[in-house]
Amino acid sequence: MYCRLILLTSALVMPLSSFAVAGESASEADPDTVRCRSVRELGTRIPKRVCKTNQQWAQEQEAARQAMEDRNRSSQCTDRC
């Protein structure tokens, strides 16, 4: 669970190319196009190659963003601060 949280958090930091920007070709904006990235894992210096569709990368980024929002929301002080 801890490694998964770190992986999701690192997805926020990594620049993602799954979003359409000016000058992007149609295949880069296509949600079914497969993209591969090197992901560093704790405990090893060798990055792991992970391939997913643009849609899966976007879903992972959204899940990481939501997890950080939930974590920040739950850690806010209440009346006892």
Foldseek 3Di string as FASTA:
>chain_A
DVQLLVQLLVLLVDDDQQPDDPPDDPLSVDQARKDWDFDDGPPDPGTDIDIDGSVVSVVSNVVNVVVVVVVVVVPDDDPVD
